[in-house]
Amino acid sequence: MENKELLNNLISVFQLIEEFNKKDFSKNYSELNISDVHSIDFIGKTKNPNITSLSKHMNFTKSGALKIVKKLLEREYIKQFQNPDNKKEKYFSLTEKGREIFIKHEILHKEAEERDSKIFQNFSNVEKETISKFLNLLENDIKNKLSKD
């Protein structure tokens, strides 16, 4: 198989995944986008998250993270607080509404994992190792390209 054909297959799969995720997201999270939900997920899993930790985790600029935080605060998915020892820094936690999204997201991830992991039954362990090697190389390549921007 030619490299060009592999790249075209990969692009096709990425486009299908994006289409599926958009459809799935709009069905499950009416007023939120993927960055909003993943920010809620990070805040729910992190002790004393702030703008800096959120922006690093999400690979956003601080102003990009602040924009999401403002939206989540306005829509009451998160609340802001300060540590008594550090009045300068602002931290975030989930509201009840945010916790509902956090739990829903965890459940949907588990369901997707169960549903989608079945495809790997078609491959031997050696083939899975090759797939894993490819995905790791692809991930590192994309991270390197992102860090150059």
C-alpha atoms as a PDB file:
ATOM      1  CA  MET A   1       0.000   0.000   0.000  1.00  0.00           C
ATOM      2  CA  GLU A   2       1.313   3.431  -0.933  1.00  0.00           C
ATOM      3  CA  ASN A   3       1.927   6.157   1.659  1.00  0.00           C
ATOM      4  CA  LYS A   4      -0.458   8.491  -0.151  1.00  0.00           C
ATOM      5  CA  GLU A   5      -3.241   5.913   0.083  1.00  0.00           C
ATOM      6  CA  LEU A   6      -2.588   5.436   3.811  1.00  0.00           C
ATOM      7  CA  LEU A   7      -2.686   9.198   4.377  1.00  0.00           C
ATOM      8  CA  ASN A   8      -5.956   9.478   2.453  1.00  0.00           C
ATOM      9  CA  ASN A   9      -7.440   6.663   4.560  1.00  0.00           C
ATOM     10  CA  LEU A  10      -6.275   8.402   7.723  1.00  0.00           C
ATOM     11  CA  ILE A  11      -7.784  11.728   6.647  1.00  0.00           C
ATOM     12  CA  SER A  12     -11.050   9.979   5.826  1.00  0.00           C
ATOM     13  CA  VAL A  13     -11.145   8.348   9.271  1.00  0.00           C
ATOM     14  CA  PHE A  14     -10.368  11.684  10.992  1.00  0.00           C
ATOM     15  CA  GLN A  15     -13.221  13.340   9.087  1.00  0.00           C
ATOM     16  CA  LEU A  16     -15.649  10.568  10.035  1.00  0.00           C
ATOM     17  CA  ILE A  17     -14.597  10.779  13.692  1.00  0.00           C
ATOM     18  CA  GLU A  18     -15.104  14.547  13.637  1.00  0.00           C
ATOM     19  CA  GLU A  19     -18.549  14.142  12.044  1.00  0.00           C
ATOM     20  CA  PHE A  20     -19.529  11.463  14.575  1.00  0.00           C
ATOM     21  CA  ASN A  21     -18.279  13.544  17.510  1.00  0.00           C
ATOM     22  CA  LYS A  22     -20.181  16.642  16.355  1.00  0.00           C
ATOM     23  CA  LYS A  23     -23.397  14.665  16.008  1.00  0.00           C
ATOM     24  CA  ASP A  24     -22.859  12.897  19.334  1.00  0.00           C
ATOM     25  CA  PHE A  25     -21.923  16.148  21.089  1.00  0.00           C
ATOM     26  CA  SER A  26     -24.904  18.144  19.871  1.00  0.00           C
ATOM     27  CA  LYS A  27     -27.168  15.302  20.997  1.00  0.00           C
ATOM     28  CA  ASN A  28     -25.647  15.083  24.492  1.00  0.00           C
ATOM     29  CA  TYR A  29     -24.448  18.622  25.250  1.00  0.00           C
ATOM     30  CA  SER A  30     -26.799  21.137  23.689  1.00  0.00           C
ATOM     31  CA  GLU A  31     -25.122  24.406  24.719  1.00  0.00           C
ATOM     32  CA  LEU A  32     -21.537  23.180  25.139  1.00  0.00           C
ATOM     33  CA  ASN A  33     -18.741  22.411  22.716  1.00  0.00           C
ATOM     34  CA  ILE A  34     -15.974  19.845  23.092  1.00  0.00           C
ATOM     35  CA  SER A  35     -13.553  22.344  24.674  1.00  0.00           C
ATOM     36  CA  ASP A  36     -16.185  23.334  27.248  1.00  0.00           C
ATOM     37  CA  VAL A  37     -16.852  19.713  28.211  1.00  0.00           C
ATOM     38  CA  HIS A  38     -13.166  18.812  28.394  1.00  0.00           C
ATOM     39  CA  SER A  39     -12.549  21.907  30.529  1.00  0.00           C
ATOM     40  CA  ILE A  40     -15.340  20.777  32.877  1.00  0.00           C
ATOM     41  CA  ASP A  41     -13.753  17.322  32.931  1.00  0.00           C
ATOM     42  CA  PHE A  42     -10.329  18.781  33.818  1.00  0.00           C
ATOM     43  CA  ILE A  43     -11.774  21.012  36.542  1.00  0.00           C
ATOM     44  CA  GLY A  44     -13.677  18.043  37.970  1.00  0.00           C
ATOM     45  CA  LYS A  45     -10.549  15.879  38.119  1.00  0.00           C
ATOM     46  CA  THR A  46      -8.032  18.479  39.307  1.00  0.00           C
ATOM     47  CA  LYS A  47      -7.374  19.840  42.780  1.00  0.00           C
ATOM     48  CA  ASN A  48      -7.466  23.645  42.735  1.00  0.00           C
ATOM     49  CA  PRO A  49      -7.406  24.166  38.962  1.00  0.00           C
ATOM     50  CA  ASN A  50      -6.655  27.688  37.756  1.00  0.00           C
ATOM     51  CA  ILE A  51      -6.318  29.420  34.383  1.00  0.00           C
ATOM     52  CA  THR A  52      -2.667  28.407  34.039  1.00  0.00           C
ATOM     53  CA  SER A  53      -3.230  24.706  34.713  1.00  0.00           C
ATOM     54  CA  LEU A  54      -6.317  24.642  32.472  1.00  0.00           C
ATOM     55  CA  SER A  55      -4.526  26.365  29.588  1.00  0.00           C
ATOM     56  CA  LYS A  56      -1.558  23.985  29.836  1.00  0.00           C
ATOM     57  CA  HIS A  57      -3.755  20.892  30.002  1.00  0.00           C
ATOM     58  CA  MET A  58      -5.986  21.962  27.121  1.00  0.00           C
ATOM     59  CA  ASN A  59      -3.080  23.364  25.083  1.00  0.00           C
ATOM     60  CA  PHE A  60      -4.755  26.796  24.939  1.00  0.00           C
ATOM     61  CA  THR A  61      -3.415  30.266  25.456  1.00  0.00           C
ATOM     62  CA  LYS A  62      -4.344  31.774  28.822  1.00  0.00           C
ATOM     63  CA  SER A  63      -6.732  34.151  27.045  1.00  0.00           C
ATOM     64  CA  GLY A  64      -8.375  31.169  25.306  1.00  0.00           C
ATOM     65  CA  ALA A  65      -8.781  29.365  28.627  1.00  0.00           C
ATOM     66  CA  LEU A  66     -10.135  32.545  30.228  1.00  0.00           C
ATOM     67  CA  LYS A  67     -12.764  32.838  27.489  1.00  0.00           C
ATOM     68  CA  ILE A  68     -13.993  29.292  28.213  1.00  0.00           C
ATOM     69  CA  VAL A  69     -13.938  29.893  31.981  1.00  0.00           C
ATOM     70  CA  LYS A  70     -16.003  33.087  31.606  1.00  0.00           C
ATOM     71  CA  LYS A  71     -18.579  31.190  29.550  1.00  0.00           C
ATOM     72  CA  LEU A  72     -18.721  28.318  32.072  1.00  0.00           C
ATOM     73  CA  LEU A  73     -19.041  30.787  34.966  1.00  0.00           C
ATOM     74  CA  GLU A  74     -21.847  32.702  33.212  1.00  0.00           C
ATOM     75  CA  ARG A  75     -23.734  29.483  32.487  1.00  0.00           C
ATOM     76  CA  GLU A  76     -23.135  28.290  36.059  1.00  0.00           C
ATOM     77  CA  TYR A  77     -21.204  25.102  35.246  1.00  0.00           C
ATOM     78  CA  ILE A  78     -18.299  26.205  37.434  1.00  0.00           C
ATOM     79  CA  LYS A  79     -17.713  28.572  40.326  1.00  0.00           C
ATOM     80  CA  GLN A  80     -14.669  30.582  41.291  1.00  0.00           C
ATOM     81  CA  PHE A  81     -12.937  30.610  44.666  1.00  0.00           C
ATOM     82  CA  GLN A  82      -9.747  31.816  46.311  1.00  0.00           C
ATOM     83  CA  ASN A  83      -7.408  29.966  48.611  1.00  0.00           C
ATOM     84  CA  PRO A  84      -7.094  31.797  51.968  1.00  0.00           C
ATOM     85  CA  ASP A  85      -3.301  31.470  51.675  1.00  0.00           C
ATOM     86  CA  ASN A  86      -3.194  33.020  48.204  1.00  0.00           C
ATOM     87  CA  LYS A  87      -5.746  35.781  47.639  1.00  0.00           C
ATOM     88  CA  LYS A  88      -4.215  36.657  44.270  1.00  0.00           C
ATOM     89  CA  GLU A  89      -4.908  33.370  42.468  1.00  0.00           C
ATOM     90  CA  LYS A  90      -8.416  32.343  41.392  1.00  0.00           C
ATOM     91  CA  TYR A  91      -9.394  28.683  41.322  1.00  0.00           C
ATOM     92  CA  PHE A  92     -12.409  26.836  39.957  1.00  0.00           C
ATOM     93  CA  SER A  93     -14.702  24.031  41.015  1.00  0.00           C
ATOM     94  CA  LEU A  94     -17.818  22.469  39.547  1.00  0.00           C
ATOM     95  CA  THR A  95     -21.321  23.539  40.447  1.00  0.00           C
ATOM     96  CA  GLU A  96     -24.068  20.930  40.647  1.00  0.00           C
ATOM     97  CA  LYS A  97     -24.871  21.670  36.995  1.00  0.00           C
ATOM     98  CA  GLY A  98     -21.190  21.192  36.104  1.00  0.00           C
ATOM     99  CA  ARG A  99     -20.992  17.964  38.112  1.00  0.00           C
ATOM    100  CA  GLU A 100     -23.922  16.584  36.067  1.00  0.00           C
ATOM    101  CA  ILE A 101     -21.973  17.232  32.846  1.00  0.00           C
ATOM    102  CA  PHE A 102     -18.813  15.764  34.419  1.00  0.00           C
ATOM    103  CA  ILE A 103     -20.627  12.539  35.372  1.00  0.00           C
ATOM    104  CA  LYS A 104     -22.420  12.337  32.016  1.00  0.00           C
ATOM    105  CA  HIS A 105     -19.073  12.747  30.231  1.00  0.00           C
ATOM    106  CA  GLU A 106     -17.500   9.940  32.293  1.00  0.00           C
ATOM    107  CA  ILE A 107     -20.430   7.626  31.513  1.00  0.00           C
ATOM    108  CA  LEU A 108     -20.314   8.430  27.785  1.00  0.00           C
ATOM    109  CA  HIS A 109     -16.552   7.786  27.734  1.00  0.00           C
ATOM    110  CA  LYS A 110     -17.027   4.382  29.363  1.00  0.00           C
ATOM    111  CA  GLU A 111     -19.823   3.493  26.936  1.00  0.00           C
ATOM    112  CA  ALA A 112     -17.674   4.555  23.967  1.00  0.00           C
ATOM    113  CA  GLU A 113     -14.731   2.554  25.275  1.00  0.00           C
ATOM    114  CA  GLU A 114     -16.864  -0.578  25.593  1.00  0.00           C
ATOM    115  CA  ARG A 115     -18.473  -0.036  22.187  1.00  0.00           C
ATOM    116  CA  ASP A 116     -15.319   0.920  20.300  1.00  0.00           C
ATOM    117  CA  SER A 117     -12.817  -1.484  21.869  1.00  0.00           C
ATOM    118  CA  LYS A 118     -14.552  -4.403  20.155  1.00  0.00           C
ATOM    119  CA  ILE A 119     -12.823  -3.499  16.898  1.00  0.00           C
ATOM    120  CA  PHE A 120      -9.469  -4.544  18.388  1.00  0.00           C
ATOM    121  CA  GLN A 121     -10.659  -8.138  18.666  1.00  0.00           C
ATOM    122  CA  ASN A 122      -9.898  -8.345  14.938  1.00  0.00           C
ATOM    123  CA  PHE A 123      -6.154  -7.931  15.531  1.00  0.00           C
ATOM    124  CA  SER A 124      -3.402 -10.082  16.970  1.00  0.00           C
ATOM    125  CA  ASN A 125      -1.188  -8.733  19.760  1.00  0.00           C
ATOM    126  CA  VAL A 126       1.612  -8.117  17.256  1.00  0.00           C
ATOM    127  CA  GLU A 127      -0.755  -6.102  15.042  1.00  0.00           C
ATOM    128  CA  LYS A 128      -1.973  -4.141  18.070  1.00  0.00           C
ATOM    129  CA  GLU A 129       1.644  -3.304  18.944  1.00  0.00           C
ATOM    130  CA  THR A 130       2.178  -2.014  15.395  1.00  0.00           C
ATOM    131  CA  ILE A 131      -0.998   0.076  15.601  1.00  0.00           C
ATOM    132  CA  SER A 132       0.101   1.424  18.988  1.00  0.00           C
ATOM    133  CA  LYS A 133       3.551   2.308  17.635  1.00  0.00           C
ATOM    134  CA  PHE A 134       1.961   4.142  14.704  1.00  0.00           C
ATOM    135  CA  LEU A 135      -0.448   6.064  16.947  1.00  0.00           C
ATOM    136  CA  ASN A 136       2.375   7.077  19.311  1.00  0.00           C
ATOM    137  CA  LEU A 137       4.467   8.322  16.383  1.00  0.00           C
ATOM    138  CA  LEU A 138       1.466  10.214  15.000  1.00  0.00           C
ATOM    139  CA  GLU A 139       0.688  11.749  18.397  1.00  0.00           C
ATOM    140  CA  ASN A 140       4.292  12.906  18.875  1.00  0.00           C
ATOM    141  CA  ASP A 141       4.409  14.308  15.349  1.00  0.00           C
ATOM    142  CA  ILE A 142       1.236  16.323  15.925  1.00  0.00           C
ATOM    143  CA  LYS A 143       2.481  17.559  19.327  1.00  0.00           C
ATOM    144  CA  ASN A 144       5.750  18.688  17.723  1.00  0.00           C
ATOM    145  CA  LYS A 145       3.870  20.552  15.002  1.00  0.00           C
ATOM    146  CA  LEU A 146       1.633  22.210  17.600  1.00  0.00           C
ATOM    147  CA  SER A 147       4.586  23.302  19.731  1.00  0.00           C
ATOM    148  CA  LYS A 148       6.150  25.088  16.732  1.00  0.00           C
ATOM    149  CA  ASP A 149       3.133  27.395  16.375  1.00  0.00           C
END
